[in-house]
Amino acid sequence: MDLSFDQDVKALLHGYLSGQAGAKAMLDLVTGKVAPSGKLNETYPHKLEDTVLGHDFPVETKEVFYHESLFVGYRYYQTAEVGVKYPFGFGKSYSSFRYSELKVRQNGVEFTLENTGDCAAAEVVQLYISSESNAVFRPQRELKNFQKHFLDKGESKTIFLAFDEYTFRYFDKQTHRFEIEAGDYHIEIGASSADIRLSGSIHQSGTLAAQPDQTKRYPHYFSGKVKQLPLGEFETLLDKKITDIEAENSAGDLLIENDPLSAMKQSKSILARLSYRFLNAKKKAQYCAGQA
């Protein structure tokens, strides 16, 4: 989505999938009857080239390799330190909020949220965790809980965000199940993935013995620089050679339902090759019309 025009407007009001009552809700927001309180559930990059797989599409082959592993969306941008236009969890309000007095407990976190603005409004508070251990590669920041709270002007409230069985776990390839990595974890409370207001820490004993250091096996996954990922490192993660997968996928001459349309280009069928040329010409015409 090209948002380069946002430098020429005072504000953007985003209301997709709002349903039949959406128009009235948008009117209430524009006129100030209520304050906006939505937060983005995706990241808006500056350009397509900033995305982790932007250089891999459109695909011209039968194989598509999603080598980014865990680094999807904000998990990639945060870990690889790629700047974005609007971060995950971002959202404006007609009011403002102060976060304070963080207390990290064994079953969750507690803090105070105060509406310091001039009108009643709601805020979505977000709990993120991160681990600096070298045993397992993980994103720099992972969302683990969030809540929405409405506060009147000047009101403050004590917020509790609980930990659960999903908070600290990861999937272990050796045990083939979810485990908890032993060590210290950063606990962060934010208004978005890029706007952290409070931070603390907690120690977890873990469910496994000490793991071997994997930084030499997966250096690009530990750094999040997966756009420069060597083929060998991806093969190590897969436990399989890419050439073997390509051979499996290209076996046989028949086109199947999972083949991309571009596979018709090399088909033995004259009808398939003609269909490809026709569809490709239509695609190029639509692209040129969009650029005009």
Protein backbone atom coordinates (compact mmCIF):
# COMPACT_ATOMS: atom_id res chain seq x y z
CA MET A 1 0.00 0.00 0.00
CA ASP A 2 1.61 3.24 -1.16
CA LEU A 3 1.20 5.88 1.56
CA SER A 4 3.64 8.44 0.17
CA PHE A 5 0.78 10.97 0.11
CA ASP A 6 0.64 11.03 3.92
CA GLN A 7 3.11 13.93 3.98
CA ASP A 8 0.47 16.12 2.33
CA VAL A 9 -2.39 15.55 4.79
CA LYS A 10 -2.91 16.45 8.44
CA ALA A 11 -4.15 13.02 9.48
CA LEU A 12 -5.06 9.55 8.26
CA LEU A 13 -8.14 7.71 9.53
CA HIS A 14 -7.93 4.00 8.77
CA GLY A 15 -11.15 1.98 8.99
CA TYR A 16 -10.99 -1.15 6.92
CA LEU A 17 -13.46 -4.05 7.33
CA SER A 18 -15.76 -1.85 9.40
CA GLY A 19 -19.04 -3.41 8.25
CA GLN A 20 -22.43 -1.79 7.69
CA ALA A 21 -22.17 0.38 10.83
CA GLY A 22 -18.70 1.59 9.90
CA ALA A 23 -19.78 4.87 8.31
CA LYS A 24 -21.49 6.10 11.49
CA ALA A 25 -18.52 5.06 13.60
CA MET A 26 -16.15 6.95 11.31
CA LEU A 27 -18.39 10.02 11.54
CA ASP A 28 -18.23 9.88 15.34
CA LEU A 29 -14.43 9.79 15.15
CA VAL A 30 -14.12 12.65 12.65
CA THR A 31 -16.48 14.92 14.61
CA GLY A 32 -14.79 14.15 17.94
CA LYS A 33 -17.77 12.45 19.56
CA VAL A 34 -15.39 9.62 20.51
CA ALA A 35 -11.61 9.32 20.40
CA PRO A 36 -9.94 6.84 18.03
CA SER A 37 -8.42 3.86 19.85
CA GLY A 38 -7.55 1.30 17.18
CA LYS A 39 -4.01 -0.02 16.80
CA LEU A 40 -2.41 -1.48 13.66
CA ASN A 41 -2.19 -5.27 13.59
CA GLU A 42 0.43 -5.11 10.84
CA THR A 43 3.50 -3.08 9.92
CA TYR A 44 3.55 -0.50 7.12
CA PRO A 45 7.06 -0.33 5.57
CA HIS A 46 8.41 2.61 3.61
CA LYS A 47 8.72 0.59 0.41
CA LEU A 48 8.34 -2.95 -0.92
CA GLU A 49 12.10 -3.46 -0.96
CA ASP A 50 12.15 -3.11 2.84
CA THR A 51 10.06 -6.25 3.31
CA VAL A 52 11.86 -9.49 4.02
CA LEU A 53 10.61 -11.27 0.87
CA GLY A 54 9.91 -8.31 -1.39
CA HIS A 55 12.76 -9.23 -3.74
CA ASP A 56 11.39 -12.78 -4.21
CA PHE A 57 8.08 -11.78 -5.81
CA PRO A 58 6.56 -12.07 -8.34
CA VAL A 59 7.72 -15.68 -8.57
CA GLU A 60 8.84 -17.03 -11.93
CA THR A 61 9.61 -20.60 -10.84
CA LYS A 62 7.67 -23.54 -9.40
CA GLU A 63 9.38 -23.22 -6.03
CA VAL A 64 8.82 -20.54 -3.40
CA PHE A 65 11.00 -20.70 -0.29
CA TYR A 66 9.81 -18.78 2.75
CA HIS A 67 13.23 -18.60 4.33
CA GLU A 68 12.34 -15.87 6.85
CA SER A 69 11.28 -18.47 9.46
CA LEU A 70 10.07 -16.57 12.57
CA PHE A 71 10.85 -13.15 11.15
CA VAL A 72 7.44 -12.14 9.82
CA GLY A 73 6.09 -8.61 10.15
CA TYR A 74 7.31 -6.58 13.12
CA ARG A 75 9.48 -9.52 14.27
CA TYR A 76 11.66 -8.95 11.21
CA TYR A 77 11.73 -5.14 11.17
CA GLN A 78 12.57 -4.90 14.89
CA THR A 79 15.27 -7.57 14.88
CA ALA A 80 16.94 -6.49 11.61
CA GLU A 81 16.65 -2.81 12.63
CA VAL A 82 14.78 -1.80 9.47
CA GLY A 83 12.93 1.50 9.79
CA VAL A 84 9.21 1.51 8.99
CA LYS A 85 6.56 4.12 8.23
CA TYR A 86 3.99 2.88 10.78
CA PRO A 87 4.95 0.13 13.27
CA PHE A 88 2.88 -2.79 14.49
CA GLY A 89 0.55 -1.71 17.32
CA PHE A 90 0.63 1.97 16.30
CA GLY A 91 -2.40 4.19 16.70
CA LYS A 92 -3.22 7.83 17.47
CA SER A 93 -5.70 9.23 19.98
CA TYR A 94 -7.26 12.58 20.84
CA SER A 95 -5.94 12.02 24.35
CA SER A 96 -2.58 10.97 25.86
CA PHE A 97 -1.60 8.30 28.38
CA ARG A 98 1.09 7.90 31.01
CA TYR A 99 2.48 4.45 31.93
CA SER A 100 4.16 4.08 35.34
CA GLU A 101 4.95 1.86 38.37
CA LEU A 102 5.76 -1.41 36.63
CA LYS A 103 5.85 -4.50 38.85
CA VAL A 104 6.95 -7.82 37.34
CA ARG A 105 5.49 -10.84 39.13
CA GLN A 106 5.78 -14.58 38.48
CA ASN A 107 2.29 -14.74 36.95
CA GLY A 108 2.27 -11.43 35.06
CA VAL A 109 2.94 -7.69 35.17
CA GLU A 110 1.16 -4.85 36.92
CA PHE A 111 1.42 -1.13 36.15
CA THR A 112 -0.54 2.11 36.30
CA LEU A 113 -2.17 3.65 33.23
CA GLU A 114 -3.32 7.29 33.46
CA ASN A 115 -5.30 9.40 30.98
CA THR A 116 -3.36 12.68 30.95
CA GLY A 117 -5.23 14.24 28.02
CA ASP A 118 -8.25 16.49 27.68
CA CYS A 119 -10.90 13.90 26.80
CA ALA A 120 -12.08 10.39 27.64
CA ALA A 121 -10.41 7.74 25.51
CA ALA A 122 -9.32 4.11 25.32
CA GLU A 123 -5.77 2.79 25.10
CA VAL A 124 -4.51 -0.62 23.94
CA VAL A 125 -1.62 -1.64 26.22
CA GLN A 126 0.80 -4.24 24.86
CA LEU A 127 3.11 -6.74 26.58
CA TYR A 128 6.29 -7.82 24.76
CA ILE A 129 9.07 -10.19 25.82
CA SER A 130 12.58 -10.88 24.54
CA SER A 131 15.48 -13.16 25.44
CA GLU A 132 19.18 -12.52 24.87
CA SER A 133 20.20 -16.16 25.17
CA ASN A 134 22.32 -17.69 22.41
CA ALA A 135 20.71 -21.10 22.76
CA VAL A 136 17.78 -20.45 20.39
CA PHE A 137 17.27 -17.72 17.79
CA ARG A 138 14.20 -15.61 18.48
CA PRO A 139 12.82 -12.23 17.40
CA GLN A 140 14.04 -9.21 19.33
CA ARG A 141 10.52 -8.50 20.55
CA GLU A 142 7.44 -10.77 20.71
CA LEU A 143 3.88 -9.68 21.55
CA LYS A 144 2.48 -11.91 24.31
CA ASN A 145 -0.57 -10.08 25.68
CA PHE A 146 -2.63 -6.92 25.16
CA GLN A 147 -5.73 -5.27 26.61
CA LYS A 148 -7.92 -2.29 25.80
CA HIS A 149 -8.91 0.05 28.64
CA PHE A 150 -11.23 3.05 28.63
CA LEU A 151 -10.34 5.93 30.97
CA ASP A 152 -12.07 9.24 31.62
CA LYS A 153 -10.08 12.46 31.57
CA GLY A 154 -7.61 12.38 34.49
CA GLU A 155 -8.52 8.82 35.49
CA SER A 156 -5.85 6.25 36.35
CA LYS A 157 -6.18 2.49 36.58
CA THR A 158 -4.05 -0.42 37.74
CA ILE A 159 -3.56 -2.82 34.81
CA PHE A 160 -2.61 -6.50 35.10
CA LEU A 161 -1.37 -8.47 32.09
CA ALA A 162 -1.02 -12.17 32.84
CA PHE A 163 1.61 -14.62 31.65
CA ASP A 164 0.28 -17.94 30.32
CA GLU A 165 1.63 -21.19 28.91
CA TYR A 166 2.48 -19.41 25.62
CA THR A 167 4.45 -16.47 27.02
CA PHE A 168 7.98 -17.87 27.18
CA ARG A 169 7.81 -20.99 25.05
CA TYR A 170 9.39 -21.82 21.70
CA PHE A 171 9.26 -24.90 19.47
CA ASP A 172 12.34 -27.09 19.84
CA LYS A 173 13.48 -29.05 16.76
CA GLN A 174 15.28 -31.70 18.81
CA THR A 175 12.44 -32.57 21.21
CA HIS A 176 9.68 -31.83 18.65
CA ARG A 177 7.60 -29.97 21.21
CA PHE A 178 7.26 -26.58 22.84
CA GLU A 179 9.87 -25.81 25.50
CA ILE A 180 10.79 -22.91 27.77
CA GLU A 181 14.35 -21.65 27.42
CA ALA A 182 16.09 -21.03 30.74
CA GLY A 183 17.45 -17.54 31.38
CA ASP A 184 16.55 -13.90 31.89
CA TYR A 185 13.79 -12.29 29.85
CA HIS A 186 13.14 -8.61 29.18
CA ILE A 187 9.56 -7.58 29.92
CA GLU A 188 8.36 -4.53 27.99
CA ILE A 189 5.10 -2.60 28.11
CA GLY A 190 4.36 -0.37 25.15
CA ALA A 191 1.84 1.65 23.18
CA SER A 192 3.24 -0.04 20.04
CA SER A 193 6.10 -2.36 19.12
CA ALA A 194 8.28 0.73 18.61
CA ASP A 195 6.97 2.79 21.55
CA ILE A 196 8.05 1.00 24.73
CA ARG A 197 7.05 2.88 27.89
CA LEU A 198 8.11 0.50 30.71
CA SER A 199 10.65 -2.32 31.02
CA GLY A 200 11.68 -4.93 33.56
CA SER A 201 13.02 -8.46 33.69
CA ILE A 202 12.23 -11.94 34.99
CA HIS A 203 14.13 -15.23 35.22
CA GLN A 204 12.73 -18.49 33.89
CA SER A 205 14.17 -21.86 34.95
CA GLY A 206 13.25 -23.54 31.66
CA THR A 207 12.18 -27.06 30.74
CA LEU A 208 15.45 -28.30 29.17
CA ALA A 209 19.08 -28.65 30.14
CA ALA A 210 21.50 -26.08 28.74
CA GLN A 211 21.40 -25.92 24.94
CA PRO A 212 24.51 -25.73 22.73
CA ASP A 213 25.39 -22.34 21.26
CA GLN A 214 23.70 -22.14 17.82
CA THR A 215 25.03 -18.75 16.73
CA LYS A 216 27.60 -20.33 14.39
CA ARG A 217 24.95 -22.54 12.74
CA TYR A 218 22.37 -19.76 12.29
CA PRO A 219 24.20 -16.39 12.35
CA HIS A 220 21.71 -14.64 10.04
CA TYR A 221 18.72 -15.93 11.99
CA PHE A 222 20.24 -14.71 15.26
CA SER A 223 20.82 -11.25 13.77
CA GLY A 224 17.55 -11.16 11.83
CA LYS A 225 19.46 -10.32 8.62
CA VAL A 226 17.58 -13.00 6.70
CA LYS A 227 17.48 -11.03 3.44
CA GLN A 228 21.19 -11.89 3.09
CA LEU A 229 20.64 -15.50 4.17
CA PRO A 230 23.03 -17.97 2.47
CA LEU A 231 21.41 -21.02 0.93
CA GLY A 232 23.45 -23.34 3.14
CA GLU A 233 22.10 -21.81 6.35
CA PHE A 234 18.51 -22.25 5.14
CA GLU A 235 19.29 -25.87 4.25
CA THR A 236 20.70 -26.41 7.75
CA LEU A 237 17.45 -25.11 9.23
CA LEU A 238 15.39 -27.35 6.93
CA ASP A 239 17.64 -30.40 7.39
CA LYS A 240 17.28 -30.88 3.64
CA LYS A 241 19.01 -29.87 0.42
CA ILE A 242 17.15 -27.34 -1.73
CA THR A 243 18.19 -29.23 -4.88
CA ASP A 244 16.33 -32.30 -3.59
CA ILE A 245 13.16 -30.26 -3.04
CA GLU A 246 13.40 -28.72 -6.51
CA ALA A 247 13.81 -32.16 -8.05
CA GLU A 248 10.71 -33.41 -6.22
CA ASN A 249 8.64 -30.40 -7.26
CA SER A 250 9.72 -30.52 -10.89
CA ALA A 251 9.22 -34.27 -11.35
CA GLY A 252 6.81 -35.05 -14.18
CA ASP A 253 5.65 -32.99 -17.12
CA LEU A 254 2.01 -32.50 -16.15
CA LEU A 255 0.81 -29.21 -14.75
CA ILE A 256 -0.91 -29.52 -11.38
CA GLU A 257 -3.12 -27.18 -9.37
CA ASN A 258 -0.25 -25.93 -7.19
CA ASP A 259 1.90 -24.81 -10.13
CA PRO A 260 2.17 -21.06 -10.79
CA LEU A 261 0.79 -19.73 -14.07
CA SER A 262 4.37 -19.09 -15.19
CA ALA A 263 4.89 -22.88 -15.33
CA MET A 264 2.77 -22.90 -18.50
CA LYS A 265 5.54 -21.00 -20.25
CA GLN A 266 7.69 -24.15 -20.51
CA SER A 267 4.83 -26.61 -20.92
CA LYS A 268 4.85 -29.21 -23.73
CA SER A 269 1.24 -28.25 -24.43
CA ILE A 270 0.81 -25.63 -27.16
CA LEU A 271 -2.51 -24.60 -25.59
CA ALA A 272 -0.81 -23.99 -22.23
CA ARG A 273 1.96 -21.89 -23.80
CA LEU A 274 -0.56 -19.81 -25.75
CA SER A 275 -2.64 -19.32 -22.59
CA TYR A 276 0.45 -18.09 -20.76
CA ARG A 277 1.23 -15.54 -23.47
CA PHE A 278 -2.36 -14.27 -23.43
CA LEU A 279 -2.52 -13.97 -19.62
CA ASN A 280 0.95 -12.40 -19.40
CA ALA A 281 -0.01 -9.78 -22.00
CA LYS A 282 -3.16 -8.95 -20.01
CA LYS A 283 -1.09 -8.62 -16.83
CA LYS A 284 1.40 -6.25 -18.48
CA ALA A 285 -1.46 -4.15 -19.89
CA GLN A 286 -3.05 -3.82 -16.44
CA TYR A 287 0.31 -2.90 -14.91
CA CYS A 288 0.93 -0.20 -17.52
CA ALA A 289 -2.60 1.17 -17.02
CA GLY A 290 -1.95 1.39 -13.28
CA GLN A 291 1.30 3.31 -13.85
CA ALA A 292 -0.31 5.80 -16.26
